[in-house]
């Protein structure tokens, strides 16, 4: 069996068919219920002295739109949609397993209450704030420039957390800690500053909800071991799968979008993948 399995279809019956206590870590980035269509346009830049962008050394570039991808992000009853899927997620996790639930400010408080009910309040260990600084800034309120990642462990006394595997970040005042500590850096807190996926960077797939590898890699390194089985049942562009393969883990991905399947087929073209319900 390949280290990466990708299912195409409604995630609820797929989750219900998977064996209990079989997954070491779940990361999901479900739709945020923004109430509007989410649209992203992938671009490239080419040298053009009359272009619309200025680059290094004052050289001019022209923006070339490549593709626009869109999905609807609206549910009449968001929690009713999520509840049976998160119930299955709890069943699927091993006794030492963890769930990471990625959401934003609109629904995080409702979702936390639901997850407290499913996992138990003692199983809530952290709310990780992913802060970024990109995009438009409203002038009518403080601009929302963060996402929330809720961490729940099945057993709050026994879970995977290997801080030695975590990437380190620079000290803000390196002169105050000495050269040795400054060179080593420090471990992050529950607030993670990290750029979004660059609109024209190499990591970009063009999928609207793609999250950066830096965020996902940190979760995978610290909260799972090589050989562990990871699961993302709102897979989108498949970032968890790419991280898992790069870091020696196994992974199961699920999505009901044909566009997501096409993006993942391109992304994992050189990898051995078990496709279930869809053919690349």
Protein backbone atom coordinates (compact mmCIF):
# COMPACT_ATOMS: atom_id res chain seq x y z
CA UNK A 1 0.00 0.00 0.00
CA UNK A 2 1.24 3.47 -0.87
CA UNK A 3 2.14 5.92 1.90
CA UNK A 4 -0.44 8.34 0.47
CA UNK A 5 -4.11 7.45 -0.11
CA UNK A 6 -6.52 9.98 -1.62
CA UNK A 7 -10.30 9.51 -1.54
CA UNK A 8 -12.72 11.40 -3.78
CA UNK A 9 -16.20 11.85 -2.35
CA UNK A 10 -18.31 13.00 0.58
CA UNK A 11 -16.03 12.67 3.57
CA UNK A 12 -18.68 11.45 6.04
CA UNK A 13 -19.31 7.94 4.61
CA UNK A 14 -15.59 7.60 3.86
CA UNK A 15 -14.73 8.39 7.49
CA UNK A 16 -17.41 5.99 8.72
CA UNK A 17 -15.76 3.17 6.75
CA UNK A 18 -12.27 3.70 8.23
CA UNK A 19 -11.17 1.61 11.24
CA UNK A 20 -11.38 2.99 14.77
CA UNK A 21 -8.24 4.12 16.61
CA UNK A 22 -6.18 3.95 13.41
CA UNK A 23 -4.97 7.55 12.98
CA UNK A 24 -2.19 9.31 14.91
CA UNK A 25 -2.89 12.91 13.94
CA UNK A 26 -5.73 14.72 12.19
CA UNK A 27 -5.39 18.19 10.71
CA UNK A 28 -8.41 19.73 9.01
CA UNK A 29 -9.00 23.10 7.44
CA UNK A 30 -12.76 23.02 6.80
CA UNK A 31 -14.65 25.75 4.95
CA UNK A 32 -14.75 28.86 7.15
CA UNK A 33 -18.44 29.63 6.46
CA UNK A 34 -17.71 33.14 5.24
CA UNK A 35 -21.06 33.28 3.43
CA UNK A 36 -19.55 34.07 0.06
CA UNK A 37 -17.72 32.44 -2.83
CA UNK A 38 -13.97 32.12 -2.31
CA UNK A 39 -11.96 32.92 -5.42
CA UNK A 40 -8.21 32.90 -6.08
CA UNK A 41 -6.38 33.79 -9.28
CA UNK A 42 -2.97 32.27 -9.92
CA UNK A 43 -0.56 34.62 -11.67
CA UNK A 44 2.85 34.69 -13.31
CA UNK A 45 5.08 37.66 -14.15
CA UNK A 46 7.07 38.27 -17.34
CA UNK A 47 9.60 40.98 -18.18
CA UNK A 48 7.90 43.93 -19.84
CA UNK A 49 9.24 47.49 -19.78
CA UNK A 50 5.65 48.75 -19.84
CA UNK A 51 4.36 46.28 -17.27
CA UNK A 52 2.28 46.91 -14.15
CA UNK A 53 4.85 45.76 -11.56
CA UNK A 54 8.28 46.96 -10.50
CA UNK A 55 10.82 44.36 -9.39
CA UNK A 56 14.44 44.21 -8.31
CA UNK A 57 16.68 47.05 -9.55
CA UNK A 58 13.66 48.88 -10.99
CA UNK A 59 12.96 46.31 -13.72
CA UNK A 60 9.37 46.23 -14.96
CA UNK A 61 7.16 43.14 -15.15
CA UNK A 62 3.71 42.37 -16.51
CA UNK A 63 1.15 40.30 -14.57
CA UNK A 64 -0.27 37.33 -16.48
CA UNK A 65 -3.38 35.61 -15.00
CA UNK A 66 -3.07 31.83 -15.29
CA UNK A 67 -6.22 30.37 -13.75
CA UNK A 68 -9.03 31.29 -11.39
CA UNK A 69 -10.43 28.75 -8.94
CA UNK A 70 -13.58 29.21 -6.88
CA UNK A 71 -15.64 27.35 -4.29
CA UNK A 72 -18.78 28.17 -2.30
CA UNK A 73 -18.26 28.76 1.44
CA UNK A 74 -21.71 28.91 2.98
CA UNK A 75 -23.73 26.47 5.07
CA UNK A 76 -27.22 26.97 6.50
CA UNK A 77 -26.19 25.10 9.64
CA UNK A 78 -22.42 24.95 9.90
CA UNK A 79 -22.23 23.06 13.19
CA UNK A 80 -24.75 20.44 12.00
CA UNK A 81 -22.49 19.88 9.01
CA UNK A 82 -19.34 19.53 11.12
CA UNK A 83 -20.63 17.57 14.12
CA UNK A 84 -20.98 14.07 12.58
CA UNK A 85 -17.61 14.45 10.83
CA UNK A 86 -15.83 15.47 14.03
CA UNK A 87 -17.56 12.63 15.88
CA UNK A 88 -15.94 10.26 13.40
CA UNK A 89 -12.62 12.07 13.79
CA UNK A 90 -12.66 11.37 17.52
CA UNK A 91 -13.41 7.68 16.86
CA UNK A 92 -10.57 7.38 14.36
CA UNK A 93 -7.84 8.81 16.59
CA UNK A 94 -5.51 6.53 18.53
CA UNK A 95 -5.41 6.95 22.34
CA UNK A 96 -2.33 9.19 21.98
CA UNK A 97 -3.69 11.02 18.92
CA UNK A 98 -4.44 14.70 18.40
CA UNK A 99 -6.82 16.79 16.32
CA UNK A 100 -5.86 20.17 14.88
CA UNK A 101 -8.90 22.16 13.78
CA UNK A 102 -8.06 25.19 11.60
CA UNK A 103 -10.72 27.90 11.50
CA UNK A 104 -11.05 31.70 11.68
CA UNK A 105 -12.67 34.25 13.97
CA UNK A 106 -16.18 33.91 12.52
CA UNK A 107 -16.88 30.40 13.85
CA UNK A 108 -14.06 29.52 16.25
CA UNK A 109 -16.02 30.15 19.46
CA UNK A 110 -18.97 27.97 18.33
CA UNK A 111 -16.64 25.22 17.11
CA UNK A 112 -14.68 25.18 20.35
CA UNK A 113 -17.83 24.60 22.40
CA UNK A 114 -18.77 21.71 20.10
CA UNK A 115 -15.27 20.20 20.32
CA UNK A 116 -15.28 20.58 24.11
CA UNK A 117 -18.43 18.47 24.12
CA UNK A 118 -16.99 15.80 21.82
CA UNK A 119 -13.49 15.51 23.29
CA UNK A 120 -14.01 16.89 26.80
CA UNK A 121 -12.84 20.30 28.00
CA UNK A 122 -9.72 18.81 29.57
CA UNK A 123 -8.65 17.57 26.13
CA UNK A 124 -8.32 21.11 24.82
CA UNK A 125 -4.60 21.90 25.07
CA UNK A 126 -3.94 25.01 22.95
CA UNK A 127 -5.39 27.61 20.67
CA UNK A 128 -2.61 28.36 18.19
CA UNK A 129 -2.84 31.76 16.52
CA UNK A 130 -1.38 31.87 13.03
CA UNK A 131 -0.72 35.56 12.37
CA UNK A 132 0.17 36.93 8.95
CA UNK A 133 0.37 40.35 7.34
CA UNK A 134 -0.89 40.34 3.78
CA UNK A 135 -3.80 41.71 1.77
CA UNK A 136 -6.19 44.61 2.09
CA UNK A 137 -6.70 46.57 5.31
CA UNK A 138 -10.15 47.78 6.20
CA UNK A 139 -10.48 51.28 7.65
CA UNK A 140 -13.68 50.57 9.56
CA UNK A 141 -12.27 48.08 12.14
CA UNK A 142 -9.04 46.30 13.07
CA UNK A 143 -8.07 44.17 10.02
CA UNK A 144 -8.40 40.42 10.65
CA UNK A 145 -4.94 38.98 9.98
CA UNK A 146 -4.92 35.68 11.83
CA UNK A 147 -6.41 32.18 11.82
CA UNK A 148 -7.10 29.93 14.80
CA UNK A 149 -5.91 26.32 15.18
CA UNK A 150 -7.55 24.41 18.07
CA UNK A 151 -5.54 21.48 19.46
CA UNK A 152 -7.37 18.61 21.15
CA UNK A 153 -5.71 15.43 22.46
CA UNK A 154 -7.73 12.26 23.01
CA UNK A 155 -5.91 11.76 26.31
CA UNK A 156 -4.73 15.08 27.81
CA UNK A 157 -2.14 13.20 29.87
CA UNK A 158 -0.60 11.16 27.04
CA UNK A 159 -0.04 12.65 23.61
CA UNK A 160 2.76 13.20 21.10
CA UNK A 161 4.66 16.46 21.62
CA UNK A 162 8.34 16.47 20.68
CA UNK A 163 9.50 20.06 21.02
CA UNK A 164 13.05 19.10 20.04
CA UNK A 165 11.75 18.53 16.51
CA UNK A 166 10.37 22.06 16.24
CA UNK A 167 11.97 24.68 14.05
CA UNK A 168 13.36 27.61 16.01
CA UNK A 169 12.68 31.30 15.51
CA UNK A 170 14.94 34.33 16.00
CA UNK A 171 15.03 36.29 19.25
CA UNK A 172 13.56 39.78 18.81
CA UNK A 173 16.39 41.21 20.94
CA UNK A 174 19.34 38.84 20.31
CA UNK A 175 21.77 41.17 22.07
CA UNK A 176 20.02 40.51 25.39
CA UNK A 177 20.44 36.71 25.37
CA UNK A 178 24.06 36.29 24.27
CA UNK A 179 25.55 34.92 21.04
CA UNK A 180 25.00 31.21 21.81
CA UNK A 181 21.27 31.54 22.46
CA UNK A 182 20.87 34.01 19.63
CA UNK A 183 22.47 31.57 17.18
CA UNK A 184 20.26 28.71 18.38
CA UNK A 185 17.03 30.71 18.38
CA UNK A 186 14.00 29.98 20.51
CA UNK A 187 10.98 27.71 20.26
CA UNK A 188 7.67 29.30 19.23
CA UNK A 189 4.82 30.13 21.59
CA UNK A 190 1.13 29.67 20.75
CA UNK A 191 1.34 32.65 18.36
CA UNK A 192 2.98 31.76 15.04
CA UNK A 193 4.04 34.53 12.67
CA UNK A 194 4.27 33.09 9.16
CA UNK A 195 3.57 34.50 5.73
CA UNK A 196 0.73 33.14 3.62
CA UNK A 197 1.55 31.14 0.50
CA UNK A 198 3.03 33.67 -1.91
CA UNK A 199 0.67 34.36 -4.84
CA UNK A 200 3.51 33.82 -7.32
CA UNK A 201 5.84 31.62 -5.25
CA UNK A 202 6.98 28.10 -6.08
CA UNK A 203 4.79 26.60 -3.36
CA UNK A 204 1.59 28.06 -4.81
CA UNK A 205 -0.86 25.58 -6.39
CA UNK A 206 -3.59 28.12 -7.11
CA UNK A 207 -6.09 26.34 -4.84
CA UNK A 208 -8.11 28.94 -2.85
CA UNK A 209 -7.57 27.52 0.65
CA UNK A 210 -3.94 26.38 0.37
CA UNK A 211 -2.01 26.74 3.64
CA UNK A 212 1.78 27.15 3.86
CA UNK A 213 4.06 24.18 4.38
CA UNK A 214 5.82 25.99 7.23
CA UNK A 215 2.69 25.84 9.40
CA UNK A 216 1.83 22.25 8.54
CA UNK A 217 5.41 20.98 8.82
CA UNK A 218 5.67 22.33 12.36
CA UNK A 219 2.53 20.44 13.41
CA UNK A 220 3.66 17.23 11.72
CA UNK A 221 7.19 17.30 13.18
CA UNK A 222 6.13 18.01 16.75
CA UNK A 223 2.89 16.04 16.99
CA UNK A 224 3.66 12.85 15.05
CA UNK A 225 6.48 10.37 14.56
CA UNK A 226 7.99 8.91 11.38
CA UNK A 227 5.71 6.15 10.12
CA UNK A 228 2.59 7.56 11.81
CA UNK A 229 -0.69 7.83 9.91
CA UNK A 230 -2.07 11.35 9.36
CA UNK A 231 -5.50 12.34 8.08
CA UNK A 232 -7.02 15.42 6.45
CA UNK A 233 -10.65 14.99 5.34
CA UNK A 234 -10.95 18.52 3.93
CA UNK A 235 -7.77 18.04 1.93
CA UNK A 236 -8.04 20.84 -0.64
CA UNK A 237 -4.65 21.21 -2.29
CA UNK A 238 -3.17 18.37 -0.22
CA UNK A 239 -0.56 20.25 1.85
CA UNK A 240 -0.74 17.76 4.73
CA UNK A 241 -0.01 14.95 2.30
CA UNK A 242 3.02 16.73 0.86
CA UNK A 243 4.32 17.43 4.36
CA UNK A 244 3.74 13.82 5.44
CA UNK A 245 5.64 12.40 2.46
CA UNK A 246 8.54 14.80 2.96
CA UNK A 247 8.80 13.96 6.67
CA UNK A 248 8.40 10.18 6.49
CA UNK A 249 4.77 9.83 7.58
CA UNK A 250 1.81 8.08 5.95
CA UNK A 251 -1.27 10.09 5.06
CA UNK A 252 -4.91 9.76 4.02
CA UNK A 253 -6.57 12.68 2.23
CA UNK A 254 -10.26 13.13 1.43
CA UNK A 255 -12.03 15.76 -0.66
CA UNK A 256 -15.23 16.01 -2.71
CA UNK A 257 -13.98 18.66 -5.14
CA UNK A 258 -12.86 17.62 -8.61
CA UNK A 259 -10.69 20.74 -8.71
CA UNK A 260 -8.94 19.56 -5.52
CA UNK A 261 -8.33 16.18 -7.16
CA UNK A 262 -6.79 17.80 -10.22
CA UNK A 263 -4.56 20.02 -8.08
CA UNK A 264 -3.41 17.06 -5.98
CA UNK A 265 -2.82 14.91 -9.06
CA UNK A 266 -0.45 17.57 -10.35
CA UNK A 267 1.15 18.09 -6.94
CA UNK A 268 1.76 14.37 -6.32
CA UNK A 269 2.49 13.39 -9.89
CA UNK A 270 5.85 11.81 -9.04
CA UNK A 271 4.63 10.05 -5.87
CA UNK A 272 3.05 6.64 -5.44
CA UNK A 273 -0.60 7.33 -4.58
CA UNK A 274 -3.60 5.07 -4.01
CA UNK A 275 -6.51 6.91 -5.64
CA UNK A 276 -9.95 5.82 -4.44
CA UNK A 277 -13.02 6.94 -6.40
CA UNK A 278 -11.11 9.10 -8.87
CA UNK A 279 -8.53 8.52 -11.57
CA UNK A 280 -5.82 11.10 -12.39
